[in-house]
Amino acid sequence: MTIAEIESLLQKTATGDRSAFLELYDRTSAKLFGVCLRVLNDRPEAEDVLQDVFVKIWRNADRYRANGLSPMTWLITVARNSAIDRLRARRAAGGATGGDISEAREVPDSDPGPEARAIALSERDRIRACLDELESDKAQAVRGAYLDGLSYRDLAERYAVPLNTMRTWLRRSLDKLKECLGR
């Protein structure tokens, strides 16, 4: 599925088009489920969060704006943030850490085609180059927050800085990444 197709489905979903929403679900749910499962490490909980994710997408599809970034990035961010919120709630309640990661093998394969892989590799290389422009600790903090799902508090403790300092690090680092990627 191309970027333009996903953007079109999101635009139609924003207008209340149920068939577009169903197609968006069919085309993206396996990938988004994989994201939820990776964060939560619990299949039933990941399934539950995935349902919440698609409710959010249905309600907020109008918030996605085509800005040169991949619509899959937006969808994955919604899924990842929802899963992290659930994980934090679980931890706050003193819940278990998750199920057997081997369940991830049951996720249907939704690998992109050769063209999409080439584009993703190019974007990955650009992002890595931009991350390399950041100070090492700030780049690691960005990776921890946005790739590993660590909370600001976890990162503040890891780097022995106040919580607001960590927020500032991440905000400024994201601004620098945005500037770098815009070149």
C-alpha atoms as a PDB file:
ATOM      1  CA  MET A   1       0.000   0.000   0.000  1.00  0.00           C
ATOM      2  CA  THR A   2       1.415   3.364  -0.971  1.00  0.00           C
ATOM      3  CA  ILE A   3       1.649   6.492   1.129  1.00  0.00           C
ATOM      4  CA  ALA A   4      -0.910   8.189  -1.114  1.00  0.00           C
ATOM      5  CA  GLU A   5      -3.371   5.319  -0.642  1.00  0.00           C
ATOM      6  CA  ILE A   6      -3.092   5.448   3.147  1.00  0.00           C
ATOM      7  CA  GLU A   7      -3.440   9.245   3.104  1.00  0.00           C
ATOM      8  CA  SER A   8      -6.545   8.908   0.941  1.00  0.00           C
ATOM      9  CA  LEU A   9      -8.052   6.336   3.308  1.00  0.00           C
ATOM     10  CA  LEU A  10      -7.330   8.608   6.279  1.00  0.00           C
ATOM     11  CA  GLN A  11      -8.964  11.583   4.518  1.00  0.00           C
ATOM     12  CA  LYS A  12     -12.040   9.510   3.702  1.00  0.00           C
ATOM     13  CA  THR A  13     -12.129   8.143   7.252  1.00  0.00           C
ATOM     14  CA  ALA A  14     -12.057  11.725   8.543  1.00  0.00           C
ATOM     15  CA  THR A  15     -15.292  12.360   6.639  1.00  0.00           C
ATOM     16  CA  GLY A  16     -16.948   9.303   8.199  1.00  0.00           C
ATOM     17  CA  ASP A  17     -16.461   6.873   5.304  1.00  0.00           C
ATOM     18  CA  ARG A  18     -16.839   3.469   6.970  1.00  0.00           C
ATOM     19  CA  SER A  19     -15.667   1.455   3.965  1.00  0.00           C
ATOM     20  CA  ALA A  20     -12.434   3.478   3.822  1.00  0.00           C
ATOM     21  CA  PHE A  21     -11.984   2.895   7.544  1.00  0.00           C
ATOM     22  CA  LEU A  22     -12.488  -0.848   7.116  1.00  0.00           C
ATOM     23  CA  GLU A  23      -9.950  -0.910   4.295  1.00  0.00           C
ATOM     24  CA  LEU A  24      -7.505   1.101   6.416  1.00  0.00           C
ATOM     25  CA  TYR A  25      -8.000  -1.448   9.184  1.00  0.00           C
ATOM     26  CA  ASP A  26      -7.458  -4.374   6.815  1.00  0.00           C
ATOM     27  CA  ARG A  27      -4.295  -2.840   5.401  1.00  0.00           C
ATOM     28  CA  THR A  28      -2.662  -1.641   8.630  1.00  0.00           C
ATOM     29  CA  SER A  29      -3.965  -3.654  11.589  1.00  0.00           C
ATOM     30  CA  ALA A  30      -1.307  -6.386  11.414  1.00  0.00           C
ATOM     31  CA  LYS A  31       1.503  -3.843  11.543  1.00  0.00           C
ATOM     32  CA  LEU A  32      -0.130  -1.840  14.339  1.00  0.00           C
ATOM     33  CA  PHE A  33      -0.847  -5.015  16.296  1.00  0.00           C
ATOM     34  CA  GLY A  34       2.854  -5.884  16.035  1.00  0.00           C
ATOM     35  CA  VAL A  35       3.731  -2.490  17.498  1.00  0.00           C
ATOM     36  CA  CYS A  36       1.305  -2.994  20.396  1.00  0.00           C
ATOM     37  CA  LEU A  37       2.552  -6.525  21.027  1.00  0.00           C
ATOM     38  CA  ARG A  38       6.181  -5.413  21.012  1.00  0.00           C
ATOM     39  CA  VAL A  39       5.505  -2.754  23.644  1.00  0.00           C
ATOM     40  CA  LEU A  40       3.132  -4.764  25.838  1.00  0.00           C
ATOM     41  CA  ASN A  41       4.490  -8.287  25.380  1.00  0.00           C
ATOM     42  CA  ASP A  42       0.981  -9.606  26.065  1.00  0.00           C
ATOM     43  CA  ARG A  43      -1.225 -10.768  23.186  1.00  0.00           C
ATOM     44  CA  PRO A  44      -4.699 -10.256  24.738  1.00  0.00           C
ATOM     45  CA  GLU A  45      -3.729  -6.835  26.016  1.00  0.00           C
ATOM     46  CA  ALA A  46      -2.231  -5.883  22.640  1.00  0.00           C
ATOM     47  CA  GLU A  47      -5.490  -6.932  20.955  1.00  0.00           C
ATOM     48  CA  ASP A  48      -7.446  -4.768  23.377  1.00  0.00           C
ATOM     49  CA  VAL A  49      -5.168  -1.783  22.801  1.00  0.00           C
ATOM     50  CA  LEU A  50      -5.405  -2.282  19.034  1.00  0.00           C
ATOM     51  CA  GLN A  51      -9.168  -1.894  19.294  1.00  0.00           C
ATOM     52  CA  ASP A  52      -8.663   1.344  21.243  1.00  0.00           C
ATOM     53  CA  VAL A  53      -6.156   2.496  18.612  1.00  0.00           C
ATOM     54  CA  PHE A  54      -8.672   2.135  15.812  1.00  0.00           C
ATOM     55  CA  VAL A  55     -11.330   3.943  17.830  1.00  0.00           C
ATOM     56  CA  LYS A  56      -8.834   6.805  18.207  1.00  0.00           C
ATOM     57  CA  ILE A  57      -8.028   6.704  14.490  1.00  0.00           C
ATOM     58  CA  TRP A  58     -11.741   6.815  13.622  1.00  0.00           C
ATOM     59  CA  ARG A  59     -12.309   9.781  15.932  1.00  0.00           C
ATOM     60  CA  ASN A  60      -9.104  11.644  15.067  1.00  0.00           C
ATOM     61  CA  ALA A  61      -8.410  10.889  11.410  1.00  0.00           C
ATOM     62  CA  ASP A  62      -8.967  14.571  10.675  1.00  0.00           C
ATOM     63  CA  ARG A  63      -5.906  15.362  12.813  1.00  0.00           C
ATOM     64  CA  TYR A  64      -3.586  13.668  10.363  1.00  0.00           C
ATOM     65  CA  ARG A  65      -2.268  16.202   7.923  1.00  0.00           C
ATOM     66  CA  ALA A  66      -0.225  15.269   4.882  1.00  0.00           C
ATOM     67  CA  ASN A  67       3.061  17.021   5.626  1.00  0.00           C
ATOM     68  CA  GLY A  68       5.573  14.951   3.736  1.00  0.00           C
ATOM     69  CA  LEU A  69       5.824  12.431   6.541  1.00  0.00           C
ATOM     70  CA  SER A  70       4.533   8.918   6.190  1.00  0.00           C
ATOM     71  CA  PRO A  71       0.933   8.380   7.294  1.00  0.00           C
ATOM     72  CA  MET A  72       2.095   5.011   8.638  1.00  0.00           C
ATOM     73  CA  THR A  73       4.351   6.955  10.992  1.00  0.00           C
ATOM     74  CA  TRP A  74       1.278   8.739  12.345  1.00  0.00           C
ATOM     75  CA  LEU A  75      -0.656   5.466  12.703  1.00  0.00           C
ATOM     76  CA  ILE A  76       2.292   3.727  14.366  1.00  0.00           C
ATOM     77  CA  THR A  77       2.690   6.654  16.757  1.00  0.00           C
ATOM     78  CA  VAL A  78      -0.973   6.395  17.775  1.00  0.00           C
ATOM     79  CA  ALA A  79      -0.535   2.647  18.369  1.00  0.00           C
ATOM     80  CA  ARG A  80       2.784   2.997  20.188  1.00  0.00           C
ATOM     81  CA  ASN A  81       1.544   5.784  22.457  1.00  0.00           C
ATOM     82  CA  SER A  82      -1.632   3.857  23.287  1.00  0.00           C
ATOM     83  CA  ALA A  83       0.390   0.757  24.127  1.00  0.00           C
ATOM     84  CA  ILE A  84       2.812   2.764  26.266  1.00  0.00           C
ATOM     85  CA  ASP A  85      -0.124   4.367  28.107  1.00  0.00           C
ATOM     86  CA  ARG A  86      -1.499   0.889  28.813  1.00  0.00           C
ATOM     87  CA  LEU A  87       1.936  -0.335  29.928  1.00  0.00           C
ATOM     88  CA  ARG A  88       2.307   2.608  32.299  1.00  0.00           C
ATOM     89  CA  ALA A  89      -1.169   1.978  33.702  1.00  0.00           C
ATOM     90  CA  ARG A  90      -0.277  -1.678  34.212  1.00  0.00           C
ATOM     91  CA  ARG A  91       2.961  -0.767  35.974  1.00  0.00           C
ATOM     92  CA  ALA A  92       1.200   1.814  38.134  1.00  0.00           C
ATOM     93  CA  ALA A  93      -1.302  -0.848  39.167  1.00  0.00           C
ATOM     94  CA  GLY A  94       1.539  -3.251  39.949  1.00  0.00           C
ATOM     95  CA  GLY A  95       0.535  -5.572  37.117  1.00  0.00           C
ATOM     96  CA  ALA A  96       2.550  -8.237  35.375  1.00  0.00           C
ATOM     97  CA  THR A  97       5.149  -7.377  32.781  1.00  0.00           C
ATOM     98  CA  GLY A  98       3.541  -9.312  29.952  1.00  0.00           C
ATOM     99  CA  GLY A  99       3.180 -12.620  28.223  1.00  0.00           C
ATOM    100  CA  ASP A 100       5.429 -14.803  26.150  1.00  0.00           C
ATOM    101  CA  ILE A 101       7.187 -12.864  23.382  1.00  0.00           C
ATOM    102  CA  SER A 102       7.066 -15.963  21.200  1.00  0.00           C
ATOM    103  CA  GLU A 103       3.472 -14.956  20.458  1.00  0.00           C
ATOM    104  CA  ALA A 104       4.912 -12.267  18.204  1.00  0.00           C
ATOM    105  CA  ARG A 105       5.641 -15.023  15.659  1.00  0.00           C
ATOM    106  CA  GLU A 106       1.888 -15.403  15.170  1.00  0.00           C
ATOM    107  CA  VAL A 107       1.511 -11.858  13.842  1.00  0.00           C
ATOM    108  CA  PRO A 108       0.663 -11.937  10.124  1.00  0.00           C
ATOM    109  CA  ASP A 109       3.460 -10.768   7.870  1.00  0.00           C
ATOM    110  CA  SER A 110       2.812  -7.263   6.604  1.00  0.00           C
ATOM    111  CA  ASP A 111       6.293  -6.541   5.312  1.00  0.00           C
ATOM    112  CA  PRO A 112       6.482  -3.760   2.763  1.00  0.00           C
ATOM    113  CA  GLY A 113       7.375  -4.430  -0.840  1.00  0.00           C
ATOM    114  CA  PRO A 114      10.779  -3.699  -2.393  1.00  0.00           C
ATOM    115  CA  GLU A 115       9.970  -0.068  -3.220  1.00  0.00           C
ATOM    116  CA  ALA A 116       8.678   0.676   0.271  1.00  0.00           C
ATOM    117  CA  ARG A 117      11.721  -1.050   1.804  1.00  0.00           C
ATOM    118  CA  ALA A 118      14.049   1.096  -0.327  1.00  0.00           C
ATOM    119  CA  ILE A 119      12.234   4.257   0.782  1.00  0.00           C
ATOM    120  CA  ALA A 120      12.306   3.126   4.416  1.00  0.00           C
ATOM    121  CA  LEU A 121      16.041   2.397   4.222  1.00  0.00           C
ATOM    122  CA  SER A 122      16.652   5.837   2.770  1.00  0.00           C
ATOM    123  CA  GLU A 123      14.564   7.464   5.519  1.00  0.00           C
ATOM    124  CA  ARG A 124      16.317   5.346   8.149  1.00  0.00           C
ATOM    125  CA  ASP A 125      19.713   6.494   6.883  1.00  0.00           C
ATOM    126  CA  ARG A 126      18.576  10.137   6.960  1.00  0.00           C
ATOM    127  CA  ILE A 127      17.277   9.756  10.511  1.00  0.00           C
ATOM    128  CA  ARG A 128      20.480   8.054  11.655  1.00  0.00           C
ATOM    129  CA  ALA A 129      22.565  10.813  10.094  1.00  0.00           C
ATOM    130  CA  CYS A 130      20.461  13.425  11.865  1.00  0.00           C
ATOM    131  CA  LEU A 131      20.677  11.542  15.168  1.00  0.00           C
ATOM    132  CA  ASP A 132      24.458  11.478  14.741  1.00  0.00           C
ATOM    133  CA  GLU A 133      24.387  15.290  14.708  1.00  0.00           C
ATOM    134  CA  LEU A 134      22.972  15.292  18.243  1.00  0.00           C
ATOM    135  CA  GLU A 135      25.103  14.925  21.346  1.00  0.00           C
ATOM    136  CA  SER A 136      25.450  11.244  22.196  1.00  0.00           C
ATOM    137  CA  ASP A 137      23.409  11.301  25.421  1.00  0.00           C
ATOM    138  CA  LYS A 138      20.605  13.277  23.799  1.00  0.00           C
ATOM    139  CA  ALA A 139      20.488  10.927  20.807  1.00  0.00           C
ATOM    140  CA  GLN A 140      20.299   7.953  23.189  1.00  0.00           C
ATOM    141  CA  ALA A 141      17.506   9.665  25.131  1.00  0.00           C
ATOM    142  CA  VAL A 142      15.534  10.184  21.897  1.00  0.00           C
ATOM    143  CA  ARG A 143      16.013   6.526  20.981  1.00  0.00           C
ATOM    144  CA  GLY A 144      14.956   5.483  24.485  1.00  0.00           C
ATOM    145  CA  ALA A 145      11.805   7.598  24.425  1.00  0.00           C
ATOM    146  CA  TYR A 146      10.633   7.023  20.882  1.00  0.00           C
ATOM    147  CA  LEU A 147      11.968   3.587  20.004  1.00  0.00           C
ATOM    148  CA  ASP A 148      12.166   1.777  23.338  1.00  0.00           C
ATOM    149  CA  GLY A 149       9.074   3.286  24.967  1.00  0.00           C
ATOM    150  CA  LEU A 150      10.844   4.639  28.044  1.00  0.00           C
ATOM    151  CA  SER A 151       9.029   7.343  29.965  1.00  0.00           C
ATOM    152  CA  TYR A 152      10.500  10.779  30.581  1.00  0.00           C
ATOM    153  CA  ARG A 153      10.856   9.805  34.238  1.00  0.00           C
ATOM    154  CA  ASP A 154      12.767   6.619  33.335  1.00  0.00           C
ATOM    155  CA  LEU A 155      15.100   8.620  31.115  1.00  0.00           C
ATOM    156  CA  ALA A 156      15.579  11.357  33.717  1.00  0.00           C
ATOM    157  CA  GLU A 157      16.630   8.724  36.226  1.00  0.00           C
ATOM    158  CA  ARG A 158      18.901   6.978  33.711  1.00  0.00           C
ATOM    159  CA  TYR A 159      20.733  10.226  32.878  1.00  0.00           C
ATOM    160  CA  ALA A 160      20.517  11.640  36.424  1.00  0.00           C
ATOM    161  CA  VAL A 161      18.823  14.861  35.348  1.00  0.00           C
ATOM    162  CA  PRO A 162      15.620  16.533  36.569  1.00  0.00           C
ATOM    163  CA  LEU A 163      12.413  15.506  34.796  1.00  0.00           C
ATOM    164  CA  ASN A 164      11.908  18.938  33.219  1.00  0.00           C
ATOM    165  CA  THR A 165      15.475  18.882  31.933  1.00  0.00           C
ATOM    166  CA  MET A 166      14.752  15.585  30.184  1.00  0.00           C
ATOM    167  CA  ARG A 167      11.618  17.062  28.630  1.00  0.00           C
ATOM    168  CA  THR A 168      13.672  19.992  27.382  1.00  0.00           C
ATOM    169  CA  TRP A 169      16.370  17.660  26.001  1.00  0.00           C
ATOM    170  CA  LEU A 170      13.795  15.688  24.054  1.00  0.00           C
ATOM    171  CA  ARG A 171      11.890  18.730  22.784  1.00  0.00           C
ATOM    172  CA  ARG A 172      15.071  20.463  21.604  1.00  0.00           C
ATOM    173  CA  SER A 173      16.433  17.234  20.132  1.00  0.00           C
ATOM    174  CA  LEU A 174      13.214  16.698  18.179  1.00  0.00           C
ATOM    175  CA  ASP A 175      13.400  20.282  16.929  1.00  0.00           C
ATOM    176  CA  LYS A 176      16.960  19.654  15.730  1.00  0.00           C
ATOM    177  CA  LEU A 177      15.910  16.388  14.067  1.00  0.00           C
ATOM    178  CA  LYS A 178      13.004  18.124  12.333  1.00  0.00           C
ATOM    179  CA  GLU A 179      15.342  20.855  11.100  1.00  0.00           C
ATOM    180  CA  CYS A 180      17.900  18.303   9.891  1.00  0.00           C
ATOM    181  CA  LEU A 181      15.283  16.180   8.124  1.00  0.00           C
ATOM    182  CA  GLY A 182      13.903  19.303   6.459  1.00  0.00           C
ATOM    183  CA  ARG A 183      17.205  20.049   4.735  1.00  0.00           C
END
